[in-house]
Structures are given as C-alpha cells and as structure tokens.
Amino acid sequence: DKGEMLARPLSEIYENIRDYFVIRQSQRVLACGALHISWVDLAEIKSLAVTEDWQSQGLGDLLVAACLKEARELSIPTIFCLTYKPTFF
C-alpha cells in the first residue's frame, strides 16, 4: 500500500462489485476500476488501479473508456473522479 488510493472499506467493494471492470491475465488481476452511479445524472469513476508492472501500458485508459462508455449508454452526463493522481485524468 503506497497510500495512492482513496480508502474503500471491503464491505463497500462487496456491495458495489457489479460496478467494477477488471482486466485479468489468467487468474491475476492487472487492473480494475468502477463506475458508481450516484444519481440519475451523476456518476463517479472510482477505485481505478493498475498493478505496478503493467502501468503506462494503456490499461488505465481502457478502464476509464469503459466507464465513460457505460455512462454514455445510461445517458449520465456528469462524471467525476476523486484522485491523488489528477495528471492521469
């Protein structure tokens, strides 16, 4: 833990597991991120993470694109993200 992600209780992850997109290689999780719908017109991209050895290879971009695509399909116009890495976005 490098302290680079906003803390999320495990119970919150379990409650919202269907919000997550996961990129795997065999059984290994390489990256994940979620689109959490807050309201009819508002959603959050959250818990975006890429394992260190797979960073800078486009996986984060793929996850953000998947979240934005889902938001468009659901006609959600406003998306936000709380992050310690604003330069990524």
N, C-alpha and C. Protein backbone atom coordinates (compact mmCIF):
# COMPACT_ATOMS: atom_id res chain seq x y z
N ASP A 1 0.84 -1.18 0.00
CA ASP A 1 0.00 0.00 0.00
C ASP A 1 0.87 1.23 0.00
N LYS A 2 0.78 2.00 -1.07
CA LYS A 2 1.56 3.22 -1.20
C LYS A 2 0.77 4.46 -0.78
N GLY A 3 -0.46 4.27 -0.33
CA GLY A 3 -1.28 5.41 0.06
C GLY A 3 -1.72 6.25 -1.12
N GLU A 4 -1.77 5.67 -2.31
CA GLU A 4 -2.13 6.42 -3.52
C GLU A 4 -3.59 6.27 -3.91
N MET A 5 -4.34 5.48 -3.16
CA MET A 5 -5.76 5.30 -3.47
C MET A 5 -6.59 5.76 -2.29
N LEU A 6 -7.78 6.26 -2.59
CA LEU A 6 -8.71 6.57 -1.53
C LEU A 6 -9.16 5.26 -0.90
N ALA A 7 -9.16 5.23 0.40
CA ALA A 7 -9.54 4.00 1.12
C ALA A 7 -11.00 3.68 0.88
N ARG A 8 -11.27 2.43 0.61
CA ARG A 8 -12.64 1.93 0.45
C ARG A 8 -12.77 0.71 1.36
N PRO A 9 -13.75 0.69 2.24
CA PRO A 9 -13.94 -0.50 3.08
C PRO A 9 -14.29 -1.70 2.21
N LEU A 10 -13.85 -2.87 2.64
CA LEU A 10 -14.14 -4.10 1.90
C LEU A 10 -15.64 -4.29 1.74
N SER A 11 -16.41 -3.92 2.75
CA SER A 11 -17.87 -4.06 2.66
C SER A 11 -18.44 -3.22 1.51
N GLU A 12 -17.87 -2.04 1.27
CA GLU A 12 -18.32 -1.20 0.16
C GLU A 12 -18.00 -1.85 -1.18
N ILE A 13 -16.83 -2.46 -1.28
CA ILE A 13 -16.46 -3.16 -2.51
C ILE A 13 -17.43 -4.31 -2.77
N TYR A 14 -17.73 -5.10 -1.74
CA TYR A 14 -18.67 -6.21 -1.91
C TYR A 14 -20.05 -5.70 -2.33
N GLU A 15 -20.51 -4.61 -1.72
CA GLU A 15 -21.83 -4.07 -2.04
C GLU A 15 -21.92 -3.55 -3.47
N ASN A 16 -20.78 -3.13 -4.02
CA ASN A 16 -20.77 -2.50 -5.34
C ASN A 16 -19.98 -3.28 -6.38
N ILE A 17 -19.77 -4.56 -6.17
CA ILE A 17 -18.89 -5.36 -7.03
C ILE A 17 -19.34 -5.33 -8.49
N ARG A 18 -20.62 -5.18 -8.74
CA ARG A 18 -21.11 -5.16 -10.13
C ARG A 18 -20.74 -3.89 -10.86
N ASP A 19 -20.27 -2.87 -10.13
CA ASP A 19 -19.84 -1.61 -10.75
C ASP A 19 -18.46 -1.73 -11.38
N TYR A 20 -17.72 -2.78 -11.05
CA TYR A 20 -16.30 -2.88 -11.40
C TYR A 20 -16.04 -3.49 -12.77
N PHE A 21 -15.04 -2.94 -13.43
CA PHE A 21 -14.45 -3.53 -14.62
C PHE A 21 -13.10 -4.08 -14.17
N VAL A 22 -12.75 -5.27 -14.63
CA VAL A 22 -11.49 -5.91 -14.21
C VAL A 22 -10.76 -6.42 -15.45
N ILE A 23 -9.47 -6.14 -15.51
CA ILE A 23 -8.62 -6.68 -16.57
C ILE A 23 -7.74 -7.74 -15.92
N ARG A 24 -7.81 -8.96 -16.46
CA ARG A 24 -7.04 -10.07 -15.89
C ARG A 24 -6.14 -10.70 -16.93
N GLN A 25 -5.13 -11.34 -16.43
CA GLN A 25 -4.29 -12.22 -17.24
C GLN A 25 -4.28 -13.54 -16.49
N SER A 26 -4.96 -14.54 -17.05
CA SER A 26 -5.23 -15.79 -16.33
C SER A 26 -5.97 -15.44 -15.04
N GLN A 27 -5.44 -15.84 -13.90
CA GLN A 27 -6.10 -15.55 -12.62
C GLN A 27 -5.58 -14.28 -11.96
N ARG A 28 -4.63 -13.61 -12.56
CA ARG A 28 -4.03 -12.41 -11.97
C ARG A 28 -4.79 -11.16 -12.38
N VAL A 29 -5.17 -10.35 -11.43
CA VAL A 29 -5.82 -9.07 -11.71
C VAL A 29 -4.73 -8.06 -12.05
N LEU A 30 -4.83 -7.47 -13.24
CA LEU A 30 -3.86 -6.48 -13.69
C LEU A 30 -4.33 -5.06 -13.41
N ALA A 31 -5.65 -4.85 -13.50
CA ALA A 31 -6.20 -3.51 -13.32
C ALA A 31 -7.68 -3.61 -13.01
N CYS A 32 -8.19 -2.57 -12.34
CA CYS A 32 -9.63 -2.52 -12.06
C CYS A 32 -10.07 -1.08 -11.93
N GLY A 33 -11.33 -0.88 -12.07
CA GLY A 33 -11.94 0.43 -11.90
C GLY A 33 -13.44 0.27 -11.90
N ALA A 34 -14.14 1.24 -11.34
CA ALA A 34 -15.59 1.12 -11.22
C ALA A 34 -16.28 2.40 -11.65
N LEU A 35 -17.50 2.24 -12.14
CA LEU A 35 -18.39 3.37 -12.38
C LEU A 35 -19.52 3.23 -11.38
N HIS A 36 -19.57 4.13 -10.43
CA HIS A 36 -20.61 4.11 -9.40
C HIS A 36 -21.62 5.20 -9.72
N ILE A 37 -22.86 4.80 -9.94
CA ILE A 37 -23.91 5.76 -10.26
C ILE A 37 -24.43 6.36 -8.97
N SER A 38 -24.25 7.67 -8.85
CA SER A 38 -24.66 8.38 -7.64
C SER A 38 -26.10 8.90 -7.74
N TRP A 39 -26.48 9.31 -8.93
CA TRP A 39 -27.80 9.88 -9.17
C TRP A 39 -28.12 9.69 -10.64
N VAL A 40 -29.30 10.06 -11.05
CA VAL A 40 -29.72 9.86 -12.43
C VAL A 40 -28.80 10.57 -13.42
N ASP A 41 -28.16 11.66 -12.99
CA ASP A 41 -27.31 12.43 -13.90
C ASP A 41 -25.87 12.57 -13.42
N LEU A 42 -25.45 11.70 -12.49
CA LEU A 42 -24.13 11.84 -11.88
C LEU A 42 -23.54 10.47 -11.55
N ALA A 43 -22.26 10.27 -11.93
CA ALA A 43 -21.57 9.02 -11.62
C ALA A 43 -20.11 9.30 -11.30
N GLU A 44 -19.51 8.39 -10.56
CA GLU A 44 -18.11 8.52 -10.16
C GLU A 44 -17.28 7.37 -10.72
N ILE A 45 -16.15 7.69 -11.31
CA ILE A 45 -15.15 6.67 -11.63
C ILE A 45 -14.33 6.51 -10.37
N LYS A 46 -14.28 5.29 -9.84
CA LYS A 46 -13.60 5.10 -8.57
C LYS A 46 -12.77 3.83 -8.56
N SER A 47 -11.90 3.77 -7.59
CA SER A 47 -11.05 2.59 -7.36
C SER A 47 -10.28 2.17 -8.60
N LEU A 48 -9.81 3.13 -9.37
CA LEU A 48 -9.02 2.84 -10.56
C LEU A 48 -7.60 2.50 -10.13
N ALA A 49 -7.15 1.31 -10.50
CA ALA A 49 -5.81 0.87 -10.10
C ALA A 49 -5.24 -0.06 -11.16
N VAL A 50 -3.94 0.05 -11.37
CA VAL A 50 -3.20 -0.82 -12.29
C VAL A 50 -1.97 -1.31 -11.54
N THR A 51 -1.72 -2.63 -11.61
CA THR A 51 -0.54 -3.15 -10.94
C THR A 51 0.71 -2.46 -11.48
N GLU A 52 1.69 -2.31 -10.61
CA GLU A 52 2.86 -1.50 -10.95
C GLU A 52 3.57 -1.96 -12.22
N ASP A 53 3.69 -3.26 -12.41
CA ASP A 53 4.41 -3.76 -13.59
C ASP A 53 3.60 -3.64 -14.88
N TRP A 54 2.34 -3.23 -14.82
CA TRP A 54 1.53 -3.03 -16.02
C TRP A 54 1.16 -1.56 -16.24
N GLN A 55 1.69 -0.67 -15.44
CA GLN A 55 1.40 0.75 -15.61
C GLN A 55 2.05 1.29 -16.88
N SER A 56 1.48 2.36 -17.40
CA SER A 56 1.95 3.03 -18.63
C SER A 56 1.81 2.14 -19.87
N GLN A 57 0.86 1.20 -19.83
CA GLN A 57 0.61 0.35 -20.98
C GLN A 57 -0.83 0.48 -21.49
N GLY A 58 -1.53 1.50 -20.99
CA GLY A 58 -2.86 1.78 -21.51
C GLY A 58 -4.02 1.12 -20.78
N LEU A 59 -3.75 0.34 -19.74
CA LEU A 59 -4.85 -0.35 -19.06
C LEU A 59 -5.76 0.64 -18.33
N GLY A 60 -5.18 1.64 -17.69
CA GLY A 60 -6.00 2.66 -17.03
C GLY A 60 -6.88 3.40 -18.02
N ASP A 61 -6.31 3.72 -19.18
CA ASP A 61 -7.09 4.39 -20.23
C ASP A 61 -8.25 3.51 -20.69
N LEU A 62 -8.01 2.21 -20.83
CA LEU A 62 -9.08 1.29 -21.23
C LEU A 62 -10.21 1.26 -20.21
N LEU A 63 -9.85 1.25 -18.93
CA LEU A 63 -10.86 1.22 -17.88
C LEU A 63 -11.67 2.51 -17.84
N VAL A 64 -11.00 3.65 -17.95
CA VAL A 64 -11.72 4.93 -17.97
C VAL A 64 -12.65 4.97 -19.18
N ALA A 65 -12.17 4.52 -20.33
CA ALA A 65 -13.01 4.49 -21.54
C ALA A 65 -14.23 3.60 -21.33
N ALA A 66 -14.06 2.45 -20.68
CA ALA A 66 -15.18 1.55 -20.42
C ALA A 66 -16.20 2.22 -19.49
N CYS A 67 -15.72 2.92 -18.48
CA CYS A 67 -16.62 3.64 -17.57
C CYS A 67 -17.38 4.74 -18.30
N LEU A 68 -16.68 5.51 -19.11
CA LEU A 68 -17.32 6.59 -19.85
C LEU A 68 -18.33 6.05 -20.87
N LYS A 69 -18.01 4.94 -21.50
CA LYS A 69 -18.93 4.31 -22.45
C LYS A 69 -20.22 3.89 -21.74
N GLU A 70 -20.06 3.27 -20.59
CA GLU A 70 -21.25 2.85 -19.84
C GLU A 70 -22.08 4.07 -19.42
N ALA A 71 -21.41 5.13 -18.98
CA ALA A 71 -22.13 6.35 -18.60
C ALA A 71 -22.91 6.92 -19.78
N ARG A 72 -22.29 6.94 -20.97
CA ARG A 72 -22.99 7.41 -22.17
C ARG A 72 -24.20 6.54 -22.47
N GLU A 73 -24.02 5.21 -22.39
CA GLU A 73 -25.13 4.29 -22.66
C GLU A 73 -26.29 4.50 -21.70
N LEU A 74 -25.99 4.93 -20.48
CA LEU A 74 -27.01 5.18 -19.47
C LEU A 74 -27.47 6.64 -19.46
N SER A 75 -26.97 7.44 -20.41
CA SER A 75 -27.31 8.86 -20.53
C SER A 75 -26.99 9.65 -19.26
N ILE A 76 -25.86 9.33 -18.65
CA ILE A 76 -25.39 10.06 -17.47
C ILE A 76 -24.42 11.13 -17.96
N PRO A 77 -24.78 12.41 -17.82
CA PRO A 77 -23.96 13.46 -18.42
C PRO A 77 -22.75 13.91 -17.60
N THR A 78 -22.78 13.69 -16.30
CA THR A 78 -21.72 14.23 -15.45
C THR A 78 -20.99 13.09 -14.74
N ILE A 79 -19.67 13.04 -14.97
CA ILE A 79 -18.81 12.02 -14.38
C ILE A 79 -17.72 12.73 -13.60
N PHE A 80 -17.41 12.22 -12.41
CA PHE A 80 -16.31 12.80 -11.64
C PHE A 80 -15.43 11.70 -11.07
N CYS A 81 -14.26 12.10 -10.61
CA CYS A 81 -13.33 11.16 -10.01
C CYS A 81 -12.56 11.87 -8.91
N LEU A 82 -12.48 11.28 -7.74
CA LEU A 82 -11.63 11.77 -6.66
C LEU A 82 -10.32 11.01 -6.77
N THR A 83 -9.20 11.73 -6.82
CA THR A 83 -7.94 11.06 -7.09
C THR A 83 -6.75 11.77 -6.46
N TYR A 84 -5.72 11.01 -6.20
CA TYR A 84 -4.43 11.56 -5.80
C TYR A 84 -3.53 11.77 -7.02
N LYS A 85 -3.99 11.35 -8.20
CA LYS A 85 -3.21 11.43 -9.44
C LYS A 85 -3.97 12.23 -10.50
N PRO A 86 -4.20 13.52 -10.29
CA PRO A 86 -5.00 14.29 -11.26
C PRO A 86 -4.37 14.38 -12.64
N THR A 87 -3.06 14.24 -12.75
CA THR A 87 -2.43 14.32 -14.06
C THR A 87 -2.84 13.16 -14.97
N PHE A 88 -3.26 12.03 -14.40
CA PHE A 88 -3.72 10.91 -15.22
C PHE A 88 -4.96 11.30 -16.00
N PHE A 89 -5.84 12.05 -15.38
CA PHE A 89 -7.10 12.41 -16.00
C PHE A 89 -6.99 13.69 -16.81
